[in-house]
Amino acid sequence: MDVTALNAMQGYSNLRQATAPEPTRQDGAQLRSLAQDFAATLQEGETAAVGAMTGDADPHSLVQALVQTELAVETAVTVRDRVVKAYQEILRMPV
């Protein structure tokens, strides 16, 4: 066996360990937190809308809550679209 090939294999195995992802158990917690934040934003928008209809909230807070809700929904739709697109790309890969 060639010495340079042996050195290359050893170097590759060392780098492979350095770039391996570390398993974390917080991925589910982060996703859960994002979902809870999204639900809270929608709830705040709904509360502001009900308050504006009953006369308890000022128009400025209603507009602010609705803009935040719109941004949250657009973000969720964009993430969903990208996940679907990635899934479709995976399905098109040859086996």
N, C-alpha and C. Protein backbone atom coordinates (compact mmCIF):
# COMPACT_ATOMS: atom_id res chain seq x y z
N MET A 1 0.85 -1.18 0.00
CA MET A 1 0.00 0.00 0.00
C MET A 1 0.89 1.23 0.00
N ASP A 2 0.47 2.23 -0.72
CA ASP A 2 1.22 3.47 -0.83
C ASP A 2 1.10 4.27 0.47
N VAL A 3 2.20 4.87 0.89
CA VAL A 3 2.23 5.63 2.14
C VAL A 3 1.33 6.86 2.04
N THR A 4 1.27 7.51 0.89
CA THR A 4 0.42 8.70 0.74
C THR A 4 -1.06 8.33 0.82
N ALA A 5 -1.41 7.18 0.30
CA ALA A 5 -2.80 6.74 0.39
C ALA A 5 -3.16 6.44 1.84
N LEU A 6 -2.23 5.84 2.58
CA LEU A 6 -2.47 5.56 3.99
C LEU A 6 -2.64 6.87 4.77
N ASN A 7 -1.78 7.84 4.50
CA ASN A 7 -1.90 9.14 5.17
C ASN A 7 -3.23 9.81 4.83
N ALA A 8 -3.65 9.70 3.58
CA ALA A 8 -4.91 10.29 3.16
C ALA A 8 -6.08 9.63 3.88
N MET A 9 -6.04 8.31 4.00
CA MET A 9 -7.12 7.61 4.70
C MET A 9 -7.17 8.01 6.16
N GLN A 10 -6.01 8.11 6.81
CA GLN A 10 -5.99 8.51 8.21
C GLN A 10 -6.49 9.95 8.38
N GLY A 11 -6.07 10.82 7.49
CA GLY A 11 -6.54 12.20 7.54
C GLY A 11 -8.04 12.30 7.34
N TYR A 12 -8.55 11.51 6.40
CA TYR A 12 -9.99 11.51 6.15
C TYR A 12 -10.76 11.02 7.36
N SER A 13 -10.28 9.95 7.98
CA SER A 13 -10.99 9.42 9.15
C SER A 13 -10.96 10.41 10.31
N ASN A 14 -9.88 11.15 10.47
CA ASN A 14 -9.82 12.16 11.52
C ASN A 14 -10.79 13.31 11.24
N LEU A 15 -10.84 13.76 10.00
CA LEU A 15 -11.74 14.86 9.65
C LEU A 15 -13.20 14.42 9.71
N ARG A 16 -13.46 13.20 9.38
CA ARG A 16 -14.83 12.71 9.40
C ARG A 16 -15.40 12.77 10.81
N GLN A 17 -14.59 12.45 11.80
CA GLN A 17 -15.05 12.52 13.18
C GLN A 17 -15.28 13.97 13.61
N ALA A 18 -14.45 14.89 13.10
CA ALA A 18 -14.58 16.29 13.49
C ALA A 18 -15.83 16.93 12.90
N THR A 19 -16.27 16.45 11.74
CA THR A 19 -17.42 17.06 11.09
C THR A 19 -18.72 16.31 11.36
N ALA A 20 -18.66 15.23 12.10
CA ALA A 20 -19.87 14.46 12.38
C ALA A 20 -20.78 15.29 13.28
N PRO A 21 -22.07 15.32 12.99
CA PRO A 21 -22.98 16.09 13.84
C PRO A 21 -23.11 15.44 15.20
N GLU A 22 -23.21 16.28 16.20
CA GLU A 22 -23.39 15.77 17.55
C GLU A 22 -24.88 15.57 17.79
N PRO A 23 -25.26 14.41 18.27
CA PRO A 23 -26.68 14.19 18.50
C PRO A 23 -27.18 15.04 19.66
N THR A 24 -28.28 15.72 19.43
CA THR A 24 -28.89 16.52 20.48
C THR A 24 -30.34 16.11 20.63
N ARG A 25 -30.83 16.26 21.79
CA ARG A 25 -32.22 15.93 22.06
C ARG A 25 -33.07 17.20 22.12
N GLN A 26 -32.48 18.33 21.77
CA GLN A 26 -33.21 19.58 21.85
C GLN A 26 -33.93 19.92 20.57
N ASP A 27 -33.75 19.13 19.51
CA ASP A 27 -34.40 19.44 18.25
C ASP A 27 -35.92 19.43 18.39
N GLY A 28 -36.44 18.44 19.07
CA GLY A 28 -37.88 18.37 19.29
C GLY A 28 -38.37 19.51 20.17
N ALA A 29 -37.56 19.90 21.14
CA ALA A 29 -37.95 20.99 22.03
C ALA A 29 -37.98 22.31 21.27
N GLN A 30 -37.04 22.50 20.34
CA GLN A 30 -37.03 23.73 19.55
C GLN A 30 -38.24 23.79 18.64
N LEU A 31 -38.59 22.67 18.03
CA LEU A 31 -39.75 22.64 17.15
C LEU A 31 -41.02 22.89 17.95
N ARG A 32 -41.10 22.31 19.13
CA ARG A 32 -42.27 22.51 20.00
C ARG A 32 -42.37 23.98 20.41
N SER A 33 -41.22 24.59 20.72
CA SER A 33 -41.20 25.99 21.11
C SER A 33 -41.66 26.89 19.95
N LEU A 34 -41.21 26.58 18.73
CA LEU A 34 -41.64 27.36 17.57
C LEU A 34 -43.15 27.24 17.35
N ALA A 35 -43.67 26.04 17.51
CA ALA A 35 -45.11 25.84 17.33
C ALA A 35 -45.90 26.58 18.40
N GLN A 36 -45.40 26.59 19.63
CA GLN A 36 -46.08 27.31 20.70
C GLN A 36 -46.04 28.81 20.47
N ASP A 37 -44.90 29.32 20.00
CA ASP A 37 -44.80 30.75 19.69
C ASP A 37 -45.75 31.14 18.56
N PHE A 38 -45.86 30.27 17.56
CA PHE A 38 -46.77 30.52 16.44
C PHE A 38 -48.22 30.56 16.94
N ALA A 39 -48.58 29.61 17.78
CA ALA A 39 -49.94 29.57 18.32
C ALA A 39 -50.21 30.78 19.20
N ALA A 40 -49.22 31.20 19.98
CA ALA A 40 -49.40 32.38 20.83
C ALA A 40 -49.58 33.64 19.99
N THR A 41 -48.84 33.76 18.89
CA THR A 41 -48.99 34.91 18.01
C THR A 41 -50.38 34.95 17.39
N LEU A 42 -50.87 33.80 16.96
CA LEU A 42 -52.23 33.74 16.41
C LEU A 42 -53.27 34.09 17.47
N GLN A 43 -53.06 33.63 18.69
CA GLN A 43 -53.99 33.92 19.78
C GLN A 43 -54.00 35.41 20.11
N GLU A 44 -52.83 36.05 20.10
CA GLU A 44 -52.76 37.49 20.37
C GLU A 44 -53.50 38.28 19.28
N GLY A 45 -53.33 37.87 18.03
CA GLY A 45 -54.04 38.53 16.94
C GLY A 45 -55.55 38.39 17.08
N GLU A 46 -55.98 37.20 17.46
CA GLU A 46 -57.41 36.97 17.64
C GLU A 46 -57.95 37.79 18.81
N THR A 47 -57.19 37.84 19.89
CA THR A 47 -57.61 38.62 21.05
C THR A 47 -57.70 40.11 20.71
N ALA A 48 -56.72 40.60 19.96
CA ALA A 48 -56.75 42.01 19.56
C ALA A 48 -57.93 42.29 18.64
N ALA A 49 -58.24 41.36 17.74
CA ALA A 49 -59.38 41.54 16.84
C ALA A 49 -60.69 41.57 17.61
N VAL A 50 -60.84 40.68 18.56
CA VAL A 50 -62.07 40.67 19.37
C VAL A 50 -62.15 41.94 20.21
N GLY A 51 -61.02 42.37 20.74
CA GLY A 51 -61.00 43.60 21.53
C GLY A 51 -61.37 44.82 20.69
N ALA A 52 -60.91 44.85 19.44
CA ALA A 52 -61.24 45.97 18.57
C ALA A 52 -62.73 45.97 18.21
N MET A 53 -63.31 44.78 18.05
CA MET A 53 -64.74 44.70 17.71
C MET A 53 -65.62 45.12 18.87
N THR A 54 -65.17 44.85 20.09
CA THR A 54 -65.96 45.22 21.27
C THR A 54 -65.62 46.61 21.77
N GLY A 55 -64.60 47.24 21.19
CA GLY A 55 -64.24 48.59 21.58
C GLY A 55 -63.24 48.66 22.72
N ASP A 56 -62.64 47.53 23.10
CA ASP A 56 -61.69 47.50 24.21
C ASP A 56 -60.25 47.79 23.78
N ALA A 57 -59.95 47.69 22.51
CA ALA A 57 -58.57 47.86 22.04
C ALA A 57 -58.51 49.03 21.06
N ASP A 58 -57.36 49.68 21.03
CA ASP A 58 -57.20 50.78 20.08
C ASP A 58 -56.81 50.23 18.71
N PRO A 59 -57.05 50.98 17.65
CA PRO A 59 -56.76 50.49 16.30
C PRO A 59 -55.27 50.21 16.06
N HIS A 60 -54.41 50.97 16.73
CA HIS A 60 -52.97 50.76 16.53
C HIS A 60 -52.54 49.36 16.99
N SER A 61 -53.03 48.93 18.14
CA SER A 61 -52.67 47.60 18.63
C SER A 61 -53.27 46.51 17.76
N LEU A 62 -54.45 46.78 17.20
CA LEU A 62 -55.07 45.81 16.30
C LEU A 62 -54.23 45.64 15.03
N VAL A 63 -53.81 46.75 14.44
CA VAL A 63 -53.00 46.68 13.22
C VAL A 63 -51.68 45.98 13.51
N GLN A 64 -51.06 46.30 14.64
CA GLN A 64 -49.78 45.68 14.99
C GLN A 64 -49.95 44.17 15.18
N ALA A 65 -51.00 43.74 15.87
CA ALA A 65 -51.23 42.31 16.09
C ALA A 65 -51.52 41.60 14.77
N LEU A 66 -52.28 42.24 13.90
CA LEU A 66 -52.60 41.61 12.61
C LEU A 66 -51.37 41.49 11.71
N VAL A 67 -50.49 42.49 11.75
CA VAL A 67 -49.26 42.41 10.96
C VAL A 67 -48.37 41.29 11.48
N GLN A 68 -48.27 41.16 12.80
CA GLN A 68 -47.47 40.06 13.38
C GLN A 68 -48.06 38.71 13.01
N THR A 69 -49.37 38.61 13.05
CA THR A 69 -50.03 37.36 12.69
C THR A 69 -49.80 37.04 11.22
N GLU A 70 -49.92 38.05 10.35
CA GLU A 70 -49.71 37.84 8.93
C GLU A 70 -48.28 37.37 8.65
N LEU A 71 -47.33 37.98 9.32
CA LEU A 71 -45.93 37.59 9.15
C LEU A 71 -45.70 36.15 9.62
N ALA A 72 -46.30 35.78 10.74
CA ALA A 72 -46.15 34.41 11.25
C ALA A 72 -46.75 33.40 10.29
N VAL A 73 -47.91 33.71 9.73
CA VAL A 73 -48.56 32.78 8.80
C VAL A 73 -47.75 32.66 7.51
N GLU A 74 -47.25 33.80 7.00
CA GLU A 74 -46.44 33.76 5.78
C GLU A 74 -45.16 32.95 6.01
N THR A 75 -44.56 33.09 7.18
CA THR A 75 -43.36 32.32 7.50
C THR A 75 -43.67 30.83 7.56
N ALA A 76 -44.77 30.48 8.20
CA ALA A 76 -45.16 29.06 8.29
C ALA A 76 -45.44 28.48 6.91
N VAL A 77 -46.09 29.24 6.05
CA VAL A 77 -46.39 28.76 4.70
C VAL A 77 -45.10 28.60 3.90
N THR A 78 -44.17 29.52 4.05
CA THR A 78 -42.89 29.42 3.34
C THR A 78 -42.11 28.19 3.79
N VAL A 79 -42.08 27.95 5.09
CA VAL A 79 -41.38 26.77 5.62
C VAL A 79 -42.04 25.50 5.11
N ARG A 80 -43.36 25.48 5.13
CA ARG A 80 -44.09 24.30 4.63
C ARG A 80 -43.79 24.05 3.16
N ASP A 81 -43.79 25.11 2.36
CA ASP A 81 -43.51 24.96 0.93
C ASP A 81 -42.10 24.42 0.69
N ARG A 82 -41.14 24.90 1.46
CA ARG A 82 -39.77 24.42 1.28
C ARG A 82 -39.62 22.97 1.73
N VAL A 83 -40.32 22.58 2.77
CA VAL A 83 -40.27 21.19 3.21
C VAL A 83 -40.89 20.29 2.15
N VAL A 84 -42.01 20.70 1.59
CA VAL A 84 -42.65 19.91 0.54
C VAL A 84 -41.75 19.82 -0.69
N LYS A 85 -41.12 20.93 -1.06
CA LYS A 85 -40.22 20.93 -2.21
C LYS A 85 -39.03 19.99 -1.98
N ALA A 86 -38.46 20.02 -0.77
CA ALA A 86 -37.34 19.13 -0.45
C ALA A 86 -37.78 17.68 -0.49
N TYR A 87 -38.97 17.39 0.02
CA TYR A 87 -39.49 16.02 0.00
C TYR A 87 -39.69 15.54 -1.44
N GLN A 88 -40.21 16.41 -2.28
CA GLN A 88 -40.42 16.04 -3.67
C GLN A 88 -39.09 15.80 -4.38
N GLU A 89 -38.07 16.58 -4.05
CA GLU A 89 -36.75 16.37 -4.64
C GLU A 89 -36.17 15.02 -4.20
N ILE A 90 -36.40 14.67 -2.95
CA ILE A 90 -35.92 13.38 -2.45
C ILE A 90 -36.63 12.24 -3.18
N LEU A 91 -37.92 12.40 -3.42
CA LEU A 91 -38.66 11.35 -4.13
C LEU A 91 -38.18 11.19 -5.57
N ARG A 92 -37.69 12.25 -6.18
CA ARG A 92 -37.20 12.18 -7.56
C ARG A 92 -35.81 11.59 -7.68
N MET A 93 -35.12 11.41 -6.57
CA MET A 93 -33.76 10.85 -6.62
C MET A 93 -33.80 9.39 -7.05
N PRO A 94 -32.90 9.02 -7.93
CA PRO A 94 -32.84 7.60 -8.33
C PRO A 94 -32.31 6.74 -7.18
N VAL A 95 -32.86 5.56 -7.08
CA VAL A 95 -32.43 4.67 -6.00
C VAL A 95 -31.32 3.76 -6.47
